[in-house]
């Protein structure tokens, strides 16, 4: 009572049962357990080896200026490197 097309579909579904069951149980986000993202240092963002954050901290604590731009410790670390 099945036509040829129905037989092909049923055989395909039976042979790929594992794939269909995994698709049915998968959530929208995909595979879980990724964990938290590792934080990236400002030195790594700038492609430097010298510690940009530490140099910025020393510049702030040294009271060299009342205000300091975000690029100042990056530039100074690159010069020192």
PDB file of N, CA and C in Angstrom:
ATOM      1  N   UNK A   1       0.801  -1.200   0.000  1.00  0.00           N
ATOM      2  CA  UNK A   1       0.000   0.000   0.000  1.00  0.00           C
ATOM      3  C   UNK A   1       0.837   1.254   0.000  1.00  0.00           C
ATOM      4  N   UNK A   2       2.183   1.132   0.164  1.00  0.00           N
ATOM      5  CA  UNK A   2       3.081   2.273   0.053  1.00  0.00           C
ATOM      6  C   UNK A   2       3.522   2.439  -1.384  1.00  0.00           C
ATOM      7  N   UNK A   3       3.659   3.680  -1.784  1.00  0.00           N
ATOM      8  CA  UNK A   3       4.225   3.921  -3.111  1.00  0.00           C
ATOM      9  C   UNK A   3       5.742   3.856  -3.009  1.00  0.00           C
ATOM     10  N   UNK A   4       6.402   3.969  -4.130  1.00  0.00           N
ATOM     11  CA  UNK A   4       7.862   3.868  -4.153  1.00  0.00           C
ATOM     12  C   UNK A   4       8.506   4.992  -3.355  1.00  0.00           C
ATOM     13  N   UNK A   5       7.982   6.198  -3.447  1.00  0.00           N
ATOM     14  CA  UNK A   5       8.540   7.329  -2.720  1.00  0.00           C
ATOM     15  C   UNK A   5       8.430   7.138  -1.214  1.00  0.00           C
ATOM     16  N   UNK A   6       7.313   6.607  -0.755  1.00  0.00           N
ATOM     17  CA  UNK A   6       7.141   6.372   0.676  1.00  0.00           C
ATOM     18  C   UNK A   6       8.129   5.342   1.193  1.00  0.00           C
ATOM     19  N   UNK A   7       8.389   4.298   0.396  1.00  0.00           N
ATOM     20  CA  UNK A   7       9.336   3.265   0.822  1.00  0.00           C
ATOM     21  C   UNK A   7      10.737   3.839   0.971  1.00  0.00           C
ATOM     22  N   UNK A   8      11.120   4.685   0.053  1.00  0.00           N
ATOM     23  CA  UNK A   8      12.456   5.296   0.120  1.00  0.00           C
ATOM     24  C   UNK A   8      12.576   6.162   1.362  1.00  0.00           C
ATOM     25  N   UNK A   9      11.566   6.924   1.676  1.00  0.00           N
ATOM     26  CA  UNK A   9      11.595   7.802   2.852  1.00  0.00           C
ATOM     27  C   UNK A   9      11.656   6.977   4.131  1.00  0.00           C
ATOM     28  N   UNK A  10      10.872   5.900   4.209  1.00  0.00           N
ATOM     29  CA  UNK A  10      10.863   5.064   5.415  1.00  0.00           C
ATOM     30  C   UNK A  10      12.213   4.389   5.600  1.00  0.00           C
ATOM     31  N   UNK A  11      12.796   3.885   4.534  1.00  0.00           N
ATOM     32  CA  UNK A  11      14.114   3.239   4.628  1.00  0.00           C
ATOM     33  C   UNK A  11      15.156   4.260   5.068  1.00  0.00           C
ATOM     34  N   UNK A  12      15.085   5.456   4.529  1.00  0.00           N
ATOM     35  CA  UNK A  12      16.043   6.504   4.900  1.00  0.00           C
ATOM     36  C   UNK A  12      15.889   6.870   6.368  1.00  0.00           C
ATOM     37  N   UNK A  13      14.668   7.012   6.839  1.00  0.00           N
ATOM     38  CA  UNK A  13      14.447   7.366   8.230  1.00  0.00           C
ATOM     39  C   UNK A  13      14.916   6.261   9.168  1.00  0.00           C
ATOM     40  N   UNK A  14      14.720   5.025   8.798  1.00  0.00           N
ATOM     41  CA  UNK A  14      15.154   3.909   9.642  1.00  0.00           C
ATOM     42  C   UNK A  14      16.668   3.798   9.671  1.00  0.00           C
ATOM     43  N   UNK A  15      17.329   4.078   8.563  1.00  0.00           N
ATOM     44  CA  UNK A  15      18.784   3.961   8.530  1.00  0.00           C
ATOM     45  C   UNK A  15      19.453   5.117   9.265  1.00  0.00           C
ATOM     46  N   UNK A  16      18.805   6.279   9.352  1.00  0.00           N
ATOM     47  CA  UNK A  16      19.388   7.444  10.010  1.00  0.00           C
ATOM     48  C   UNK A  16      18.714   7.734  11.348  1.00  0.00           C
ATOM     49  N   UNK A  17      18.354   6.722  12.079  1.00  0.00           N
ATOM     50  CA  UNK A  17      17.652   6.895  13.344  1.00  0.00           C
ATOM     51  C   UNK A  17      18.513   7.659  14.359  1.00  0.00           C
ATOM     52  N   UNK A  18      19.819   7.390  14.353  1.00  0.00           N
ATOM     53  CA  UNK A  18      20.719   8.055  15.310  1.00  0.00           C
ATOM     54  C   UNK A  18      20.771   9.560  15.053  1.00  0.00           C
ATOM     55  N   UNK A  19      20.833   9.936  13.790  1.00  0.00           N
ATOM     56  CA  UNK A  19      20.887  11.351  13.434  1.00  0.00           C
ATOM     57  C   UNK A  19      19.607  12.066  13.834  1.00  0.00           C
ATOM     58  N   UNK A  20      18.477  11.447  13.587  1.00  0.00           N
ATOM     59  CA  UNK A  20      17.194  12.078  13.893  1.00  0.00           C
ATOM     60  C   UNK A  20      17.019  12.229  15.395  1.00  0.00           C
ATOM     61  N   UNK A  21      17.408  11.206  16.174  1.00  0.00           N
ATOM     62  CA  UNK A  21      17.252  11.311  17.622  1.00  0.00           C
ATOM     63  C   UNK A  21      18.173  12.379  18.195  1.00  0.00           C
ATOM     64  N   UNK A  22      19.367  12.537  17.629  1.00  0.00           N
ATOM     65  CA  UNK A  22      20.265  13.572  18.136  1.00  0.00           C
ATOM     66  C   UNK A  22      19.754  14.965  17.760  1.00  0.00           C
ATOM     67  N   UNK A  23      19.109  15.092  16.590  1.00  0.00           N
ATOM     68  CA  UNK A  23      18.546  16.373  16.207  1.00  0.00           C
ATOM     69  C   UNK A  23      17.360  16.740  17.087  1.00  0.00           C
ATOM     70  N   UNK A  24      16.596  15.749  17.496  1.00  0.00           N
ATOM     71  CA  UNK A  24      15.418  16.018  18.306  1.00  0.00           C
ATOM     72  C   UNK A  24      15.799  16.450  19.719  1.00  0.00           C
ATOM     73  N   UNK A  25      16.913  15.934  20.245  1.00  0.00           N
ATOM     74  CA  UNK A  25      17.287  16.261  21.624  1.00  0.00           C
ATOM     75  C   UNK A  25      18.186  17.485  21.713  1.00  0.00           C
ATOM     76  N   UNK A  26      18.726  17.960  20.616  1.00  0.00           N
ATOM     77  CA  UNK A  26      19.652  19.083  20.660  1.00  0.00           C
ATOM     78  C   UNK A  26      18.911  20.386  20.940  1.00  0.00           C
ATOM     79  N   UNK A  27      19.474  21.187  21.797  1.00  0.00           N
ATOM     80  CA  UNK A  27      18.845  22.470  22.101  1.00  0.00           C
ATOM     81  C   UNK A  27      19.234  23.493  21.042  1.00  0.00           C
ATOM     82  N   UNK A  28      18.694  24.678  21.162  1.00  0.00           N
ATOM     83  CA  UNK A  28      18.953  25.716  20.188  1.00  0.00           C
ATOM     84  C   UNK A  28      20.368  26.251  20.228  1.00  0.00           C
ATOM     85  N   UNK A  29      21.051  26.142  21.364  1.00  0.00           N
ATOM     86  CA  UNK A  29      22.401  26.678  21.503  1.00  0.00           C
ATOM     87  C   UNK A  29      23.474  25.732  20.990  1.00  0.00           C
ATOM     88  N   UNK A  30      23.136  24.492  20.706  1.00  0.00           N
ATOM     89  CA  UNK A  30      24.139  23.541  20.261  1.00  0.00           C
ATOM     90  C   UNK A  30      24.716  22.804  21.444  1.00  0.00           C
ATOM     91  N   UNK A  31      25.984  22.471  21.355  1.00  0.00           N
ATOM     92  CA  UNK A  31      26.597  21.690  22.423  1.00  0.00           C
ATOM     93  C   UNK A  31      26.862  22.562  23.637  1.00  0.00           C
ATOM     94  N   UNK A  32      26.577  22.046  24.801  1.00  0.00           N
ATOM     95  CA  UNK A  32      26.746  22.815  26.033  1.00  0.00           C
ATOM     96  C   UNK A  32      28.106  22.572  26.656  1.00  0.00           C
ATOM     97  N   UNK A  33      28.313  23.146  27.815  1.00  0.00           N
ATOM     98  CA  UNK A  33      29.550  22.923  28.557  1.00  0.00           C
ATOM     99  C   UNK A  33      30.725  23.725  28.055  1.00  0.00           C
ATOM    100  N   UNK A  34      30.462  24.844  27.454  1.00  0.00           N
ATOM    101  CA  UNK A  34      31.577  25.635  26.949  1.00  0.00           C
ATOM    102  C   UNK A  34      32.299  26.356  28.071  1.00  0.00           C
ATOM    103  N   UNK A  35      31.624  26.693  29.128  1.00  0.00           N
ATOM    104  CA  UNK A  35      32.261  27.381  30.235  1.00  0.00           C
ATOM    105  C   UNK A  35      32.391  28.866  29.969  1.00  0.00           C
ATOM    106  N   UNK A  36      33.103  29.515  30.849  1.00  0.00           N
ATOM    107  CA  UNK A  36      33.286  30.956  30.704  1.00  0.00           C
ATOM    108  C   UNK A  36      34.412  31.258  29.733  1.00  0.00           C
ATOM    109  N   UNK A  37      34.321  32.440  29.136  1.00  0.00           N
ATOM    110  CA  UNK A  37      35.363  32.863  28.214  1.00  0.00           C
ATOM    111  C   UNK A  37      36.582  33.332  28.989  1.00  0.00           C
ATOM    112  N   UNK A  38      37.750  33.025  28.480  1.00  0.00           N
ATOM    113  CA  UNK A  38      38.992  33.461  29.114  1.00  0.00           C
ATOM    114  C   UNK A  38      39.175  34.948  28.833  1.00  0.00           C
ATOM    115  N   UNK A  39      39.535  35.711  29.870  1.00  0.00           N
ATOM    116  CA  UNK A  39      39.700  37.153  29.699  1.00  0.00           C
ATOM    117  C   UNK A  39      40.993  37.445  28.940  1.00  0.00           C
ATOM    118  N   UNK A  40      40.953  38.475  28.115  1.00  0.00           N
ATOM    119  CA  UNK A  40      42.108  38.866  27.313  1.00  0.00           C
ATOM    120  C   UNK A  40      42.754  40.096  27.934  1.00  0.00           C
ATOM    121  N   UNK A  41      44.052  40.046  28.130  1.00  0.00           N
ATOM    122  CA  UNK A  41      44.759  41.174  28.732  1.00  0.00           C
ATOM    123  C   UNK A  41      44.925  42.285  27.705  1.00  0.00           C
ATOM    124  N   UNK A  42      45.140  43.486  28.213  1.00  0.00           N
ATOM    125  CA  UNK A  42      45.358  44.619  27.313  1.00  0.00           C
ATOM    126  C   UNK A  42      46.686  44.486  26.582  1.00  0.00           C
ATOM    127  N   UNK A  43      47.646  43.796  27.186  1.00  0.00           N
ATOM    128  CA  UNK A  43      48.916  43.551  26.497  1.00  0.00           C
ATOM    129  C   UNK A  43      48.711  42.634  25.293  1.00  0.00           C
ATOM    130  N   UNK A  44      47.880  41.609  25.466  1.00  0.00           N
ATOM    131  CA  UNK A  44      47.611  40.692  24.359  1.00  0.00           C
ATOM    132  C   UNK A  44      46.831  41.386  23.252  1.00  0.00           C
ATOM    133  N   UNK A  45      45.905  42.275  23.625  1.00  0.00           N
ATOM    134  CA  UNK A  45      45.145  43.018  22.623  1.00  0.00           C
ATOM    135  C   UNK A  45      46.058  43.913  21.801  1.00  0.00           C
ATOM    136  N   UNK A  46      47.071  44.503  22.475  1.00  0.00           N
ATOM    137  CA  UNK A  46      47.996  45.386  21.773  1.00  0.00           C
ATOM    138  C   UNK A  46      49.129  44.624  21.104  1.00  0.00           C
ATOM    139  N   UNK A  47      49.244  43.329  21.375  1.00  0.00           N
ATOM    140  CA  UNK A  47      50.315  42.532  20.789  1.00  0.00           C
ATOM    141  C   UNK A  47      51.657  42.807  21.427  1.00  0.00           C
ATOM    142  N   UNK A  48      51.659  43.095  22.723  1.00  0.00           N
ATOM    143  CA  UNK A  48      52.891  43.438  23.439  1.00  0.00           C
ATOM    144  C   UNK A  48      53.208  42.388  24.492  1.00  0.00           C
ATOM    145  N   UNK A  49      54.459  42.374  24.917  1.00  0.00           N
ATOM    146  CA  UNK A  49      54.886  41.494  25.994  1.00  0.00           C
ATOM    147  C   UNK A  49      54.914  42.224  27.331  1.00  0.00           C
ATOM    148  N   UNK A  50      55.162  43.512  27.291  1.00  0.00           N
ATOM    149  CA  UNK A  50      55.215  44.291  28.530  1.00  0.00           C
ATOM    150  C   UNK A  50      53.812  44.442  29.106  1.00  0.00           C
ATOM    151  N   UNK A  51      53.691  44.497  30.440  1.00  0.00           N
ATOM    152  CA  UNK A  51      52.368  44.568  31.072  1.00  0.00           C
ATOM    153  C   UNK A  51      51.741  45.956  30.969  1.00  0.00           C
ATOM    154  N   UNK A  52      50.760  46.102  30.098  1.00  0.00           N
ATOM    155  CA  UNK A  52      50.109  47.390  29.878  1.00  0.00           C
ATOM    156  C   UNK A  52      49.329  47.802  31.126  1.00  0.00           C
ATOM    157  N   UNK A  53      48.642  46.873  31.747  1.00  0.00           N
ATOM    158  CA  UNK A  53      47.858  47.188  32.937  1.00  0.00           C
ATOM    159  C   UNK A  53      48.702  47.664  34.097  1.00  0.00           C
ATOM    160  N   UNK A  54      49.836  47.032  34.294  1.00  0.00           N
ATOM    161  CA  UNK A  54      50.727  47.424  35.395  1.00  0.00           C
ATOM    162  C   UNK A  54      51.326  48.804  35.149  1.00  0.00           C
ATOM    163  N   UNK A  55      51.702  49.077  33.910  1.00  0.00           N
ATOM    164  CA  UNK A  55      52.253  50.395  33.586  1.00  0.00           C
ATOM    165  C   UNK A  55      51.187  51.462  33.778  1.00  0.00           C
ATOM    166  N   UNK A  56      49.953  51.169  33.385  1.00  0.00           N
ATOM    167  CA  UNK A  56      48.860  52.116  33.611  1.00  0.00           C
ATOM    168  C   UNK A  56      48.609  52.362  35.083  1.00  0.00           C
ATOM    169  N   UNK A  57      48.709  51.308  35.873  1.00  0.00           N
ATOM    170  CA  UNK A  57      48.535  51.469  37.321  1.00  0.00           C
ATOM    171  C   UNK A  57      49.633  52.333  37.911  1.00  0.00           C
ATOM    172  N   UNK A  58      50.853  52.116  37.484  1.00  0.00           N
ATOM    173  CA  UNK A  58      51.970  52.939  37.984  1.00  0.00           C
ATOM    174  C   UNK A  58      51.818  54.398  37.564  1.00  0.00           C
ATOM    175  N   UNK A  59      51.316  54.625  36.354  1.00  0.00           N
ATOM    176  CA  UNK A  59      51.104  56.001  35.902  1.00  0.00           C
ATOM    177  C   UNK A  59      50.025  56.690  36.734  1.00  0.00           C
ATOM    178  N   UNK A  60      48.969  55.971  37.076  1.00  0.00           N
ATOM    179  CA  UNK A  60      47.914  56.556  37.909  1.00  0.00           C
ATOM    180  C   UNK A  60      48.394  56.807  39.328  1.00  0.00           C
ATOM    181  N   UNK A  61      49.100  55.843  39.905  1.00  0.00           N
ATOM    182  CA  UNK A  61      49.548  55.991  41.289  1.00  0.00           C
ATOM    183  C   UNK A  61      50.687  56.987  41.438  1.00  0.00           C
ATOM    184  N   UNK A  62      51.420  57.225  40.362  1.00  0.00           N
ATOM    185  CA  UNK A  62      52.555  58.141  40.431  1.00  0.00           C
ATOM    186  C   UNK A  62      52.157  59.601  40.396  1.00  0.00           C
ATOM    187  N   UNK A  63      50.887  59.898  40.137  1.00  0.00           N
ATOM    188  CA  UNK A  63      50.379  61.276  40.088  1.00  0.00           C
ATOM    189  C   UNK A  63      51.163  62.129  39.091  1.00  0.00           C
ATOM    190  N   UNK A  64      51.466  61.546  37.933  1.00  0.00           N
ATOM    191  CA  UNK A  64      52.186  62.300  36.907  1.00  0.00           C
ATOM    192  C   UNK A  64      51.268  63.298  36.220  1.00  0.00           C
ATOM    193  N   UNK A  65      49.973  63.012  36.194  1.00  0.00           N
ATOM    194  CA  UNK A  65      49.005  63.920  35.591  1.00  0.00           C
ATOM    195  C   UNK A  65      47.653  63.681  36.249  1.00  0.00           C
ATOM    196  N   UNK A  66      46.800  64.694  36.181  1.00  0.00           N
ATOM    197  CA  UNK A  66      45.476  64.527  36.774  1.00  0.00           C
ATOM    198  C   UNK A  66      44.604  63.613  35.929  1.00  0.00           C
ATOM    199  N   UNK A  67      44.838  63.619  34.639  1.00  0.00           N
ATOM    200  CA  UNK A  67      44.065  62.762  33.731  1.00  0.00           C
ATOM    201  C   UNK A  67      45.017  61.970  32.848  1.00  0.00           C
ATOM    202  N   UNK A  68      44.575  60.771  32.439  1.00  0.00           N
ATOM    203  CA  UNK A  68      45.419  59.920  31.605  1.00  0.00           C
ATOM    204  C   UNK A  68      44.533  59.219  30.582  1.00  0.00           C
ATOM    205  N   UNK A  69      44.926  59.241  29.343  1.00  0.00           N
ATOM    206  CA  UNK A  69      44.161  58.580  28.287  1.00  0.00           C
ATOM    207  C   UNK A  69      44.338  57.076  28.319  1.00  0.00           C
ATOM    208  N   UNK A  70      43.443  56.367  27.639  1.00  0.00           N
ATOM    209  CA  UNK A  70      43.493  54.906  27.619  1.00  0.00           C
ATOM    210  C   UNK A  70      44.677  54.380  26.811  1.00  0.00           C
ATOM    211  N   UNK A  71      45.146  55.169  25.847  1.00  0.00           N
ATOM    212  CA  UNK A  71      46.256  54.715  25.008  1.00  0.00           C
ATOM    213  C   UNK A  71      47.620  55.016  25.580  1.00  0.00           C
ATOM    214  N   UNK A  72      47.682  55.785  26.657  1.00  0.00           N
ATOM    215  CA  UNK A  72      48.986  56.165  27.222  1.00  0.00           C
ATOM    216  C   UNK A  72      49.782  54.966  27.731  1.00  0.00           C
ATOM    217  N   UNK A  73      49.203  54.073  28.533  1.00  0.00           N
ATOM    218  CA  UNK A  73      50.013  52.932  28.977  1.00  0.00           C
ATOM    219  C   UNK A  73      50.363  51.972  27.842  1.00  0.00           C
ATOM    220  N   UNK A  74      49.539  51.893  26.819  1.00  0.00           N
ATOM    221  CA  UNK A  74      49.845  51.042  25.673  1.00  0.00           C
ATOM    222  C   UNK A  74      51.042  51.590  24.916  1.00  0.00           C
ATOM    223  N   UNK A  75      51.034  52.895  24.706  1.00  0.00           N
ATOM    224  CA  UNK A  75      52.138  53.536  23.997  1.00  0.00           C
ATOM    225  C   UNK A  75      53.429  53.416  24.792  1.00  0.00           C
ATOM    226  N   UNK A  76      53.367  53.665  26.100  1.00  0.00           N
ATOM    227  CA  UNK A  76      54.561  53.592  26.932  1.00  0.00           C
ATOM    228  C   UNK A  76      55.107  52.181  27.006  1.00  0.00           C
ATOM    229  N   UNK A  77      54.229  51.178  27.082  1.00  0.00           N
ATOM    230  CA  UNK A  77      54.685  49.791  27.084  1.00  0.00           C
ATOM    231  C   UNK A  77      55.352  49.416  25.773  1.00  0.00           C
ATOM    232  N   UNK A  78      54.818  49.945  24.665  1.00  0.00           N
ATOM    233  CA  UNK A  78      55.433  49.649  23.354  1.00  0.00           C
ATOM    234  C   UNK A  78      56.796  50.305  23.238  1.00  0.00           C
ATOM    235  N   UNK A  79      56.937  51.518  23.768  1.00  0.00           N
ATOM    236  CA  UNK A  79      58.241  52.211  23.719  1.00  0.00           C
ATOM    237  C   UNK A  79      59.244  51.468  24.581  1.00  0.00           C
ATOM    238  N   UNK A  80      58.842  51.053  25.780  1.00  0.00           N
ATOM    239  CA  UNK A  80      59.756  50.367  26.667  1.00  0.00           C
ATOM    240  C   UNK A  80      60.149  48.988  26.116  1.00  0.00           C
ATOM    241  N   UNK A  81      59.213  48.366  25.444  1.00  0.00           N
ATOM    242  CA  UNK A  81      59.503  47.045  24.881  1.00  0.00           C
ATOM    243  C   UNK A  81      60.489  47.161  23.727  1.00  0.00           C
TER     244      UNK A  81
END
